Amino acid sequence: MGGPQLNIKDAETTRMVRELAELTGETQTEVVRKAVEEKLAKTKAESETEGRRREMDRERTLAEVRKIQKEARKHMKQTDFLTDDDLYDERGLPK
C-alpha cells in the first residue's frame, strides 16, 4: 500500500468495524472513513453553532452595558467628570 496506515489496537472497535462492513457491504476503510466524516461534520457544525451562540451572548451583553451607560449618563452632571486639570499640575505631572 505504501500510504499512511491506521493501526487500531482495540479489539471491540475492530469487531464493530468488521461487523458494520459486513452489514453494509463496504470495506473496513469505507466504514471508518464514513464514520469519521460524519463525526467530523457534526463536530464542526456544533462548533460553529457554539461560536454563533457566544457571539450572540457577547452582543447581548454589550447592548446591556450600553443601556446601563446611557442610563447612567442621564444622572451625571458636568462636574462629575475629571479633566486634565484635575489630574495633572501645571507642569503636566500627575497630582
N, C-alpha and C. Protein backbone atom coordinates (compact mmCIF):
# COMPACT_ATOMS: atom_id res chain seq x y z
N MET A 1 0.82 -1.19 0.00
CA MET A 1 0.00 0.00 0.00
C MET A 1 0.86 1.26 0.00
N GLY A 2 1.87 1.37 0.82
CA GLY A 2 2.78 2.48 0.80
C GLY A 2 2.26 3.77 1.41
N GLY A 3 0.95 3.94 1.57
CA GLY A 3 0.38 5.16 2.13
C GLY A 3 0.30 5.09 3.64
N PRO A 4 -0.27 6.13 4.24
CA PRO A 4 -0.41 6.15 5.69
C PRO A 4 -1.27 4.98 6.17
N GLN A 5 -0.93 4.48 7.32
CA GLN A 5 -1.66 3.35 7.90
C GLN A 5 -2.29 3.77 9.23
N LEU A 6 -3.37 3.12 9.55
CA LEU A 6 -4.04 3.32 10.83
C LEU A 6 -4.10 1.96 11.50
N ASN A 7 -3.53 1.88 12.68
CA ASN A 7 -3.49 0.61 13.40
C ASN A 7 -4.38 0.74 14.63
N ILE A 8 -5.54 0.10 14.57
CA ILE A 8 -6.48 0.15 15.70
C ILE A 8 -6.17 -1.00 16.63
N LYS A 9 -5.82 -0.67 17.85
CA LYS A 9 -5.39 -1.69 18.81
C LYS A 9 -6.45 -1.99 19.86
N ASP A 10 -7.69 -1.76 19.49
CA ASP A 10 -8.79 -2.03 20.41
C ASP A 10 -9.68 -3.11 19.78
N ALA A 11 -9.78 -4.24 20.45
CA ALA A 11 -10.50 -5.39 19.89
C ALA A 11 -11.97 -5.08 19.64
N GLU A 12 -12.62 -4.36 20.54
CA GLU A 12 -14.04 -4.06 20.38
C GLU A 12 -14.27 -3.12 19.19
N THR A 13 -13.42 -2.13 19.03
CA THR A 13 -13.55 -1.23 17.88
C THR A 13 -13.35 -1.99 16.58
N THR A 14 -12.35 -2.82 16.53
CA THR A 14 -12.08 -3.63 15.34
C THR A 14 -13.27 -4.53 15.03
N ARG A 15 -13.85 -5.14 16.07
CA ARG A 15 -15.01 -6.00 15.88
C ARG A 15 -16.18 -5.22 15.30
N MET A 16 -16.44 -4.03 15.84
CA MET A 16 -17.56 -3.22 15.36
C MET A 16 -17.35 -2.78 13.91
N VAL A 17 -16.12 -2.42 13.56
CA VAL A 17 -15.82 -2.01 12.18
C VAL A 17 -16.07 -3.19 11.24
N ARG A 18 -15.60 -4.36 11.62
CA ARG A 18 -15.82 -5.55 10.77
C ARG A 18 -17.31 -5.86 10.63
N GLU A 19 -18.04 -5.80 11.74
CA GLU A 19 -19.47 -6.09 11.71
C GLU A 19 -20.21 -5.10 10.82
N LEU A 20 -19.90 -3.83 10.95
CA LEU A 20 -20.57 -2.81 10.13
C LEU A 20 -20.20 -2.99 8.66
N ALA A 21 -18.96 -3.34 8.38
CA ALA A 21 -18.54 -3.59 7.00
C ALA A 21 -19.32 -4.75 6.40
N GLU A 22 -19.52 -5.81 7.17
CA GLU A 22 -20.29 -6.96 6.69
C GLU A 22 -21.75 -6.57 6.44
N LEU A 23 -22.33 -5.80 7.34
CA LEU A 23 -23.73 -5.41 7.21
C LEU A 23 -23.96 -4.48 6.02
N THR A 24 -23.01 -3.60 5.76
CA THR A 24 -23.20 -2.60 4.70
C THR A 24 -22.61 -3.02 3.36
N GLY A 25 -21.75 -4.03 3.39
CA GLY A 25 -21.08 -4.43 2.16
C GLY A 25 -19.94 -3.50 1.77
N GLU A 26 -19.57 -2.61 2.68
CA GLU A 26 -18.47 -1.70 2.43
C GLU A 26 -17.17 -2.30 2.96
N THR A 27 -16.07 -1.72 2.54
CA THR A 27 -14.79 -2.16 3.11
C THR A 27 -14.66 -1.55 4.50
N GLN A 28 -13.74 -2.11 5.28
CA GLN A 28 -13.49 -1.55 6.60
C GLN A 28 -13.01 -0.10 6.50
N THR A 29 -12.23 0.18 5.50
CA THR A 29 -11.75 1.55 5.28
C THR A 29 -12.92 2.49 5.01
N GLU A 30 -13.86 2.05 4.17
CA GLU A 30 -15.03 2.88 3.87
C GLU A 30 -15.86 3.13 5.12
N VAL A 31 -16.02 2.09 5.92
CA VAL A 31 -16.79 2.21 7.16
C VAL A 31 -16.14 3.24 8.09
N VAL A 32 -14.84 3.11 8.26
CA VAL A 32 -14.13 4.04 9.14
C VAL A 32 -14.18 5.45 8.56
N ARG A 33 -13.94 5.60 7.25
CA ARG A 33 -13.95 6.92 6.62
C ARG A 33 -15.30 7.59 6.80
N LYS A 34 -16.38 6.85 6.52
CA LYS A 34 -17.72 7.43 6.65
C LYS A 34 -18.02 7.83 8.09
N ALA A 35 -17.64 6.99 9.03
CA ALA A 35 -17.88 7.30 10.44
C ALA A 35 -17.12 8.56 10.85
N VAL A 36 -15.88 8.66 10.42
CA VAL A 36 -15.07 9.84 10.76
C VAL A 36 -15.63 11.07 10.06
N GLU A 37 -16.02 10.95 8.79
CA GLU A 37 -16.60 12.09 8.06
C GLU A 37 -17.85 12.60 8.77
N GLU A 38 -18.73 11.67 9.17
CA GLU A 38 -19.97 12.06 9.86
C GLU A 38 -19.68 12.75 11.19
N LYS A 39 -18.77 12.17 11.96
CA LYS A 39 -18.41 12.75 13.26
C LYS A 39 -17.75 14.11 13.08
N LEU A 40 -16.88 14.22 12.09
CA LEU A 40 -16.19 15.48 11.82
C LEU A 40 -17.19 16.56 11.40
N ALA A 41 -18.11 16.23 10.52
CA ALA A 41 -19.12 17.20 10.07
C ALA A 41 -19.99 17.64 11.24
N LYS A 42 -20.41 16.69 12.07
CA LYS A 42 -21.25 17.01 13.23
C LYS A 42 -20.49 17.90 14.21
N THR A 43 -19.23 17.58 14.47
CA THR A 43 -18.42 18.35 15.41
C THR A 43 -18.19 19.76 14.90
N LYS A 44 -17.92 19.90 13.60
CA LYS A 44 -17.73 21.23 13.02
C LYS A 44 -19.01 22.06 13.12
N ALA A 45 -20.14 21.44 12.82
CA ALA A 45 -21.42 22.14 12.89
C ALA A 45 -21.71 22.59 14.32
N GLU A 46 -21.45 21.71 15.28
CA GLU A 46 -21.66 22.07 16.69
C GLU A 46 -20.73 23.20 17.11
N SER A 47 -19.51 23.16 16.63
CA SER A 47 -18.54 24.19 16.96
C SER A 47 -18.97 25.54 16.38
N GLU A 48 -19.45 25.54 15.15
CA GLU A 48 -19.93 26.77 14.53
C GLU A 48 -21.14 27.31 15.26
N THR A 49 -22.04 26.42 15.66
CA THR A 49 -23.23 26.83 16.40
C THR A 49 -22.82 27.44 17.74
N GLU A 50 -21.87 26.82 18.41
CA GLU A 50 -21.39 27.33 19.69
C GLU A 50 -20.75 28.69 19.51
N GLY A 51 -19.99 28.87 18.44
CA GLY A 51 -19.36 30.15 18.16
C GLY A 51 -20.39 31.25 17.92
N ARG A 52 -21.44 30.90 17.17
CA ARG A 52 -22.51 31.88 16.93
C ARG A 52 -23.22 32.22 18.23
N ARG A 53 -23.43 31.22 19.08
CA ARG A 53 -24.10 31.46 20.36
C ARG A 53 -23.27 32.38 21.24
N ARG A 54 -21.94 32.14 21.27
CA ARG A 54 -21.06 33.00 22.07
C ARG A 54 -21.07 34.43 21.55
N GLU A 55 -21.08 34.58 20.22
CA GLU A 55 -21.12 35.92 19.62
C GLU A 55 -22.42 36.62 19.97
N MET A 56 -23.53 35.90 19.91
CA MET A 56 -24.83 36.49 20.27
C MET A 56 -24.83 36.89 21.75
N ASP A 57 -24.27 36.05 22.62
CA ASP A 57 -24.19 36.38 24.04
C ASP A 57 -23.35 37.64 24.25
N ARG A 58 -22.24 37.73 23.52
CA ARG A 58 -21.37 38.89 23.64
C ARG A 58 -22.10 40.16 23.19
N GLU A 59 -22.81 40.06 22.07
CA GLU A 59 -23.56 41.22 21.57
C GLU A 59 -24.67 41.62 22.53
N ARG A 60 -25.34 40.64 23.12
CA ARG A 60 -26.41 40.92 24.08
C ARG A 60 -25.83 41.61 25.32
N THR A 61 -24.69 41.12 25.79
CA THR A 61 -24.04 41.73 26.96
C THR A 61 -23.61 43.15 26.65
N LEU A 62 -23.04 43.36 25.48
CA LEU A 62 -22.61 44.69 25.07
C LEU A 62 -23.80 45.65 25.00
N ALA A 63 -24.92 45.19 24.48
CA ALA A 63 -26.13 46.02 24.40
C ALA A 63 -26.61 46.39 25.81
N GLU A 64 -26.53 45.45 26.74
CA GLU A 64 -26.93 45.73 28.12
C GLU A 64 -26.00 46.76 28.76
N VAL A 65 -24.70 46.62 28.50
CA VAL A 65 -23.73 47.58 29.05
C VAL A 65 -24.02 48.98 28.48
N ARG A 66 -24.26 49.05 27.19
CA ARG A 66 -24.56 50.35 26.58
C ARG A 66 -25.83 50.96 27.15
N LYS A 67 -26.81 50.14 27.42
CA LYS A 67 -28.06 50.62 28.02
C LYS A 67 -27.79 51.18 29.42
N ILE A 68 -26.97 50.49 30.19
CA ILE A 68 -26.62 50.97 31.53
C ILE A 68 -25.83 52.27 31.45
N GLN A 69 -24.90 52.35 30.48
CA GLN A 69 -24.13 53.58 30.30
C GLN A 69 -25.06 54.75 29.97
N LYS A 70 -25.99 54.52 29.08
CA LYS A 70 -26.91 55.58 28.67
C LYS A 70 -27.73 56.05 29.87
N GLU A 71 -28.21 55.12 30.65
CA GLU A 71 -29.00 55.47 31.84
C GLU A 71 -28.14 56.22 32.85
N ALA A 72 -26.90 55.78 33.03
CA ALA A 72 -26.01 56.44 33.99
C ALA A 72 -25.70 57.87 33.56
N ARG A 73 -25.53 58.09 32.26
CA ARG A 73 -25.24 59.44 31.76
C ARG A 73 -26.37 60.42 32.09
N LYS A 74 -27.59 59.94 32.13
CA LYS A 74 -28.73 60.80 32.45
C LYS A 74 -28.60 61.40 33.85
N HIS A 75 -27.94 60.69 34.74
CA HIS A 75 -27.86 61.10 36.14
C HIS A 75 -26.55 61.82 36.48
N MET A 76 -25.69 61.99 35.50
CA MET A 76 -24.39 62.61 35.75
C MET A 76 -24.44 64.10 35.44
N LYS A 77 -23.65 64.86 36.19
CA LYS A 77 -23.51 66.30 35.96
C LYS A 77 -22.13 66.53 35.36
N GLN A 78 -21.97 67.67 34.72
CA GLN A 78 -20.68 68.01 34.12
C GLN A 78 -19.58 67.97 35.17
N THR A 79 -19.89 68.31 36.40
CA THR A 79 -18.89 68.33 37.47
C THR A 79 -18.47 66.92 37.90
N ASP A 80 -19.19 65.90 37.44
CA ASP A 80 -18.85 64.52 37.78
C ASP A 80 -17.68 63.99 36.97
N PHE A 81 -17.26 64.72 35.96
CA PHE A 81 -16.20 64.25 35.08
C PHE A 81 -14.86 64.89 35.45
N LEU A 82 -13.81 64.12 35.43
CA LEU A 82 -12.47 64.64 35.68
C LEU A 82 -11.90 65.23 34.39
N THR A 83 -11.15 66.28 34.52
CA THR A 83 -10.48 66.88 33.36
C THR A 83 -8.98 66.75 33.57
N ASP A 84 -8.21 67.14 32.56
CA ASP A 84 -6.74 67.12 32.71
C ASP A 84 -6.30 67.99 33.87
N ASP A 85 -7.00 69.11 34.10
CA ASP A 85 -6.65 69.99 35.21
C ASP A 85 -6.83 69.30 36.56
N ASP A 86 -7.77 68.36 36.63
CA ASP A 86 -7.97 67.62 37.88
C ASP A 86 -6.87 66.59 38.10
N LEU A 87 -6.29 66.12 37.03
CA LEU A 87 -5.34 65.01 37.13
C LEU A 87 -3.87 65.43 37.09
N TYR A 88 -3.57 66.58 36.43
CA TYR A 88 -2.18 66.97 36.23
C TYR A 88 -1.92 68.39 36.71
N ASP A 89 -0.73 68.65 37.17
CA ASP A 89 -0.38 70.02 37.60
C ASP A 89 0.05 70.85 36.40
N GLU A 90 0.45 72.08 36.65
CA GLU A 90 0.81 73.00 35.55
C GLU A 90 2.02 72.55 34.75
N ARG A 91 2.82 71.60 35.30
CA ARG A 91 3.97 71.08 34.56
C ARG A 91 3.63 69.78 33.82
N GLY A 92 2.38 69.34 33.91
CA GLY A 92 1.97 68.13 33.24
C GLY A 92 2.23 66.85 34.01
N LEU A 93 2.59 67.02 35.29
CA LEU A 93 2.85 65.86 36.14
C LEU A 93 1.59 65.45 36.90
N PRO A 94 1.44 64.17 37.18
CA PRO A 94 0.26 63.74 37.94
C PRO A 94 0.20 64.42 39.30
N LYS A 95 -0.98 64.80 39.70
CA LYS A 95 -1.16 65.43 41.02
C LYS A 95 -1.09 64.39 42.11
